[in-house]
Amino acid sequence: MNYDYNREREAYYRSETVKKIAELSGGAAALEYLREDEKKSAMRRTRAIRLGGMITAASGIALTVFLYVIVQGQAVYLAGLIPILVGLSLILYAITSAPVE
């Protein structure tokens, strides 16, 4: 509930800022502000996806080592490949589809 309120307030302040910029310096500056804001949001999303991929891959590596030590003589440790590959996929997605910084 509080999350929705915060998002609503942010949207309100963002629209008020765009209105003020448009009033003071014209539409071109407002459009530039909106483009820059969208670029920052895209960068933030890309970094979050990359971080999620790194955390997932690291937990997969830890799981692989843990299972290898605990269950010796069986290939159960290969189950750790699942989160490793998911993490690597997220990192690859973030790198290939990321906006240029």
N, C-alpha and C. Protein backbone atom coordinates (compact mmCIF):
# COMPACT_ATOMS: atom_id res chain seq x y z
N MET A 1 0.83 -1.19 0.00
CA MET A 1 0.00 0.00 0.00
C MET A 1 0.87 1.25 0.00
N ASN A 2 1.86 1.27 0.88
CA ASN A 2 2.76 2.42 0.96
C ASN A 2 3.58 2.56 -0.31
N TYR A 3 3.90 1.42 -0.93
CA TYR A 3 4.66 1.43 -2.18
C TYR A 3 3.89 2.16 -3.28
N ASP A 4 2.59 1.88 -3.38
CA ASP A 4 1.76 2.54 -4.39
C ASP A 4 1.70 4.05 -4.15
N TYR A 5 1.60 4.43 -2.89
CA TYR A 5 1.55 5.85 -2.55
C TYR A 5 2.86 6.53 -2.97
N ASN A 6 3.98 5.90 -2.70
CA ASN A 6 5.27 6.48 -3.07
C ASN A 6 5.41 6.61 -4.58
N ARG A 7 4.99 5.60 -5.32
CA ARG A 7 5.06 5.67 -6.79
C ARG A 7 4.16 6.77 -7.32
N GLU A 8 3.00 6.91 -6.71
CA GLU A 8 2.07 7.96 -7.14
C GLU A 8 2.66 9.34 -6.88
N ARG A 9 3.28 9.52 -5.74
CA ARG A 9 3.91 10.80 -5.41
C ARG A 9 5.07 11.11 -6.35
N GLU A 10 5.88 10.09 -6.65
CA GLU A 10 6.99 10.29 -7.58
C GLU A 10 6.48 10.70 -8.95
N ALA A 11 5.43 10.05 -9.42
CA ALA A 11 4.86 10.40 -10.72
C ALA A 11 4.31 11.83 -10.70
N TYR A 12 3.69 12.20 -9.60
CA TYR A 12 3.16 13.56 -9.48
C TYR A 12 4.29 14.59 -9.55
N TYR A 13 5.34 14.37 -8.77
CA TYR A 13 6.46 15.31 -8.76
C TYR A 13 7.18 15.35 -10.10
N ARG A 14 7.28 14.20 -10.76
CA ARG A 14 7.91 14.17 -12.08
C ARG A 14 7.09 14.98 -13.08
N SER A 15 5.76 14.84 -13.04
CA SER A 15 4.93 15.60 -13.97
C SER A 15 4.97 17.09 -13.66
N GLU A 16 5.03 17.44 -12.39
CA GLU A 16 5.14 18.86 -12.02
C GLU A 16 6.47 19.45 -12.48
N THR A 17 7.53 18.67 -12.38
CA THR A 17 8.84 19.13 -12.83
C THR A 17 8.84 19.37 -14.33
N VAL A 18 8.23 18.45 -15.07
CA VAL A 18 8.16 18.59 -16.53
C VAL A 18 7.34 19.84 -16.89
N LYS A 19 6.25 20.07 -16.18
CA LYS A 19 5.43 21.27 -16.44
C LYS A 19 6.23 22.54 -16.21
N LYS A 20 6.97 22.58 -15.11
CA LYS A 20 7.78 23.77 -14.79
C LYS A 20 8.85 24.00 -15.85
N ILE A 21 9.53 22.94 -16.25
CA ILE A 21 10.57 23.07 -17.28
C ILE A 21 9.96 23.56 -18.58
N ALA A 22 8.80 23.02 -18.94
CA ALA A 22 8.14 23.43 -20.18
C ALA A 22 7.72 24.89 -20.12
N GLU A 23 7.25 25.34 -18.95
CA GLU A 23 6.84 26.74 -18.81
C GLU A 23 8.03 27.69 -18.89
N LEU A 24 9.14 27.30 -18.26
CA LEU A 24 10.29 28.20 -18.17
C LEU A 24 11.13 28.25 -19.44
N SER A 25 11.36 27.09 -20.05
CA SER A 25 12.31 27.09 -21.16
C SER A 25 11.77 26.45 -22.44
N GLY A 26 10.54 26.10 -22.48
CA GLY A 26 9.98 25.57 -23.72
C GLY A 26 9.93 24.05 -23.74
N GLY A 27 9.31 23.53 -24.78
CA GLY A 27 9.08 22.09 -24.91
C GLY A 27 10.32 21.27 -25.15
N ALA A 28 11.33 21.85 -25.80
CA ALA A 28 12.54 21.08 -26.11
C ALA A 28 13.26 20.66 -24.84
N ALA A 29 13.33 21.56 -23.87
CA ALA A 29 14.01 21.23 -22.61
C ALA A 29 13.23 20.17 -21.84
N ALA A 30 11.90 20.24 -21.89
CA ALA A 30 11.07 19.26 -21.21
C ALA A 30 11.25 17.88 -21.84
N LEU A 31 11.30 17.83 -23.17
CA LEU A 31 11.53 16.56 -23.84
C LEU A 31 12.90 15.98 -23.51
N GLU A 32 13.89 16.85 -23.45
CA GLU A 32 15.24 16.40 -23.09
C GLU A 32 15.27 15.84 -21.67
N TYR A 33 14.55 16.50 -20.77
CA TYR A 33 14.45 16.02 -19.38
C TYR A 33 13.81 14.63 -19.34
N LEU A 34 12.71 14.46 -20.09
CA LEU A 34 12.03 13.16 -20.12
C LEU A 34 12.91 12.07 -20.71
N ARG A 35 13.66 12.40 -21.77
CA ARG A 35 14.58 11.41 -22.36
C ARG A 35 15.66 11.01 -21.37
N GLU A 36 16.21 11.99 -20.69
CA GLU A 36 17.27 11.72 -19.71
C GLU A 36 16.73 10.88 -18.55
N ASP A 37 15.52 11.18 -18.12
CA ASP A 37 14.90 10.43 -17.02
C ASP A 37 14.65 8.98 -17.44
N GLU A 38 14.18 8.78 -18.66
CA GLU A 38 13.95 7.42 -19.16
C GLU A 38 15.26 6.66 -19.31
N LYS A 39 16.30 7.35 -19.73
CA LYS A 39 17.61 6.72 -19.87
C LYS A 39 18.14 6.27 -18.51
N LYS A 40 17.95 7.09 -17.49
CA LYS A 40 18.39 6.73 -16.14
C LYS A 40 17.60 5.53 -15.62
N SER A 41 16.30 5.51 -15.90
CA SER A 41 15.47 4.38 -15.46
C SER A 41 15.91 3.08 -16.15
N ALA A 42 16.20 3.15 -17.43
CA ALA A 42 16.66 1.97 -18.16
C ALA A 42 18.00 1.48 -17.62
N MET A 43 18.88 2.40 -17.29
CA MET A 43 20.20 2.02 -16.73
C MET A 43 20.01 1.34 -15.38
N ARG A 44 19.11 1.89 -14.57
CA ARG A 44 18.83 1.32 -13.25
C ARG A 44 18.29 -0.11 -13.39
N ARG A 45 17.37 -0.32 -14.33
CA ARG A 45 16.82 -1.66 -14.56
C ARG A 45 17.91 -2.62 -15.02
N THR A 46 18.74 -2.17 -15.93
CA THR A 46 19.81 -3.03 -16.45
C THR A 46 20.78 -3.42 -15.34
N ARG A 47 21.14 -2.46 -14.51
CA ARG A 47 22.05 -2.77 -13.40
C ARG A 47 21.41 -3.74 -12.42
N ALA A 48 20.11 -3.58 -12.17
CA ALA A 48 19.41 -4.49 -11.26
C ALA A 48 19.38 -5.90 -11.82
N ILE A 49 19.13 -6.04 -13.12
CA ILE A 49 19.12 -7.36 -13.75
C ILE A 49 20.50 -7.98 -13.69
N ARG A 50 21.53 -7.19 -13.95
CA ARG A 50 22.91 -7.69 -13.90
C ARG A 50 23.27 -8.15 -12.48
N LEU A 51 22.88 -7.35 -11.48
CA LEU A 51 23.16 -7.71 -10.10
C LEU A 51 22.42 -8.99 -9.72
N GLY A 52 21.16 -9.11 -10.15
CA GLY A 52 20.41 -10.33 -9.89
C GLY A 52 21.06 -11.55 -10.52
N GLY A 53 21.59 -11.38 -11.71
CA GLY A 53 22.29 -12.48 -12.37
C GLY A 53 23.55 -12.88 -11.63
N MET A 54 24.29 -11.89 -11.15
CA MET A 54 25.52 -12.20 -10.40
C MET A 54 25.21 -12.92 -9.10
N ILE A 55 24.17 -12.48 -8.41
CA ILE A 55 23.79 -13.12 -7.15
C ILE A 55 23.31 -14.54 -7.40
N THR A 56 22.51 -14.74 -8.43
CA THR A 56 22.01 -16.07 -8.75
C THR A 56 23.14 -17.01 -9.15
N ALA A 57 24.07 -16.52 -9.98
CA ALA A 57 25.20 -17.35 -10.39
C ALA A 57 26.09 -17.69 -9.19
N ALA A 58 26.31 -16.72 -8.31
CA ALA A 58 27.14 -16.98 -7.13
C ALA A 58 26.48 -18.00 -6.20
N SER A 59 25.15 -17.91 -6.04
CA SER A 59 24.48 -18.90 -5.20
C SER A 59 24.52 -20.29 -5.85
N GLY A 60 24.49 -20.33 -7.18
CA GLY A 60 24.63 -21.61 -7.88
C GLY A 60 26.00 -22.22 -7.68
N ILE A 61 27.02 -21.38 -7.71
CA ILE A 61 28.38 -21.88 -7.46
C ILE A 61 28.50 -22.40 -6.04
N ALA A 62 27.95 -21.65 -5.08
CA ALA A 62 27.98 -22.09 -3.68
C ALA A 62 27.22 -23.39 -3.49
N LEU A 63 26.06 -23.52 -4.15
CA LEU A 63 25.27 -24.75 -4.06
C LEU A 63 26.03 -25.93 -4.65
N THR A 64 26.70 -25.71 -5.77
CA THR A 64 27.48 -26.77 -6.40
C THR A 64 28.58 -27.27 -5.47
N VAL A 65 29.31 -26.34 -4.88
CA VAL A 65 30.39 -26.72 -3.95
C VAL A 65 29.81 -27.44 -2.74
N PHE A 66 28.72 -26.91 -2.18
CA PHE A 66 28.09 -27.51 -1.01
C PHE A 66 27.65 -28.94 -1.30
N LEU A 67 26.96 -29.15 -2.41
CA LEU A 67 26.49 -30.50 -2.75
C LEU A 67 27.64 -31.44 -3.06
N TYR A 68 28.69 -30.92 -3.65
CA TYR A 68 29.85 -31.76 -3.95
C TYR A 68 30.50 -32.27 -2.67
N VAL A 69 30.58 -31.40 -1.67
CA VAL A 69 31.21 -31.79 -0.40
C VAL A 69 30.29 -32.71 0.41
N ILE A 70 29.00 -32.41 0.43
CA ILE A 70 28.06 -33.18 1.26
C ILE A 70 27.76 -34.55 0.66
N VAL A 71 27.47 -34.62 -0.62
CA VAL A 71 27.07 -35.88 -1.27
C VAL A 71 28.19 -36.30 -2.21
N GLN A 72 29.14 -37.05 -1.69
CA GLN A 72 30.26 -37.48 -2.52
C GLN A 72 29.94 -38.80 -3.20
N GLY A 73 30.48 -38.97 -4.37
CA GLY A 73 30.28 -40.21 -5.10
C GLY A 73 29.08 -40.19 -6.03
N GLN A 74 28.29 -39.14 -6.00
CA GLN A 74 27.14 -39.02 -6.89
C GLN A 74 27.22 -37.68 -7.60
N ALA A 75 26.50 -37.56 -8.67
CA ALA A 75 26.56 -36.32 -9.46
C ALA A 75 25.44 -35.35 -9.07
N VAL A 76 25.03 -35.36 -7.81
CA VAL A 76 23.98 -34.47 -7.33
C VAL A 76 24.43 -33.01 -7.42
N TYR A 77 25.71 -32.76 -7.30
CA TYR A 77 26.22 -31.40 -7.33
C TYR A 77 25.92 -30.69 -8.65
N LEU A 78 25.62 -31.46 -9.69
CA LEU A 78 25.30 -30.85 -10.97
C LEU A 78 23.99 -30.06 -10.94
N ALA A 79 23.19 -30.26 -9.89
CA ALA A 79 21.97 -29.47 -9.73
C ALA A 79 22.31 -27.99 -9.54
N GLY A 80 23.50 -27.69 -9.08
CA GLY A 80 23.95 -26.31 -8.94
C GLY A 80 24.13 -25.61 -10.28
N LEU A 81 24.18 -26.37 -11.36
CA LEU A 81 24.30 -25.76 -12.69
C LEU A 81 23.05 -24.96 -13.07
N ILE A 82 21.90 -25.34 -12.50
CA ILE A 82 20.66 -24.65 -12.86
C ILE A 82 20.73 -23.17 -12.48
N PRO A 83 20.98 -22.82 -11.21
CA PRO A 83 21.07 -21.39 -10.90
C PRO A 83 22.27 -20.70 -11.55
N ILE A 84 23.34 -21.43 -11.78
CA ILE A 84 24.49 -20.83 -12.46
C ILE A 84 24.08 -20.39 -13.86
N LEU A 85 23.41 -21.27 -14.59
CA LEU A 85 23.00 -20.95 -15.96
C LEU A 85 21.93 -19.87 -16.00
N VAL A 86 21.03 -19.87 -15.02
CA VAL A 86 20.02 -18.80 -14.95
C VAL A 86 20.71 -17.46 -14.71
N GLY A 87 21.66 -17.44 -13.79
CA GLY A 87 22.40 -16.21 -13.50
C GLY A 87 23.18 -15.73 -14.71
N LEU A 88 23.83 -16.64 -15.40
CA LEU A 88 24.58 -16.26 -16.59
C LEU A 88 23.66 -15.74 -17.69
N SER A 89 22.47 -16.33 -17.78
CA SER A 89 21.50 -15.85 -18.77
C SER A 89 21.06 -14.42 -18.46
N LEU A 90 20.82 -14.13 -17.19
CA LEU A 90 20.45 -12.77 -16.80
C LEU A 90 21.57 -11.78 -17.10
N ILE A 91 22.78 -12.17 -16.80
CA ILE A 91 23.92 -11.29 -17.07
C ILE A 91 24.07 -11.06 -18.57
N LEU A 92 23.96 -12.11 -19.34
CA LEU A 92 24.06 -11.99 -20.80
C LEU A 92 22.95 -11.11 -21.35
N TYR A 93 21.74 -11.27 -20.85
CA TYR A 93 20.62 -10.43 -21.27
C TYR A 93 20.89 -8.96 -20.95
N ALA A 94 21.41 -8.70 -19.75
CA ALA A 94 21.70 -7.32 -19.35
C ALA A 94 22.79 -6.71 -20.22
N ILE A 95 23.76 -7.51 -20.61
CA ILE A 95 24.86 -6.99 -21.44
C ILE A 95 24.41 -6.74 -22.87
N THR A 96 23.64 -7.68 -23.44
CA THR A 96 23.28 -7.56 -24.84
C THR A 96 22.15 -6.57 -25.10
N SER A 97 21.24 -6.41 -24.16
CA SER A 97 20.10 -5.53 -24.40
C SER A 97 20.20 -4.22 -23.63
N ALA A 98 21.33 -3.97 -23.01
CA ALA A 98 21.49 -2.78 -22.18
C ALA A 98 21.65 -1.54 -23.03
N PRO A 99 21.08 -0.43 -22.56
CA PRO A 99 21.35 0.84 -23.23
C PRO A 99 22.80 1.24 -23.01
N VAL A 100 23.35 1.96 -23.93
CA VAL A 100 24.75 2.37 -23.83
C VAL A 100 24.88 3.41 -22.73
N GLU A 101 25.84 3.20 -21.84
CA GLU A 101 26.04 4.12 -20.72
C GLU A 101 26.71 5.39 -21.15
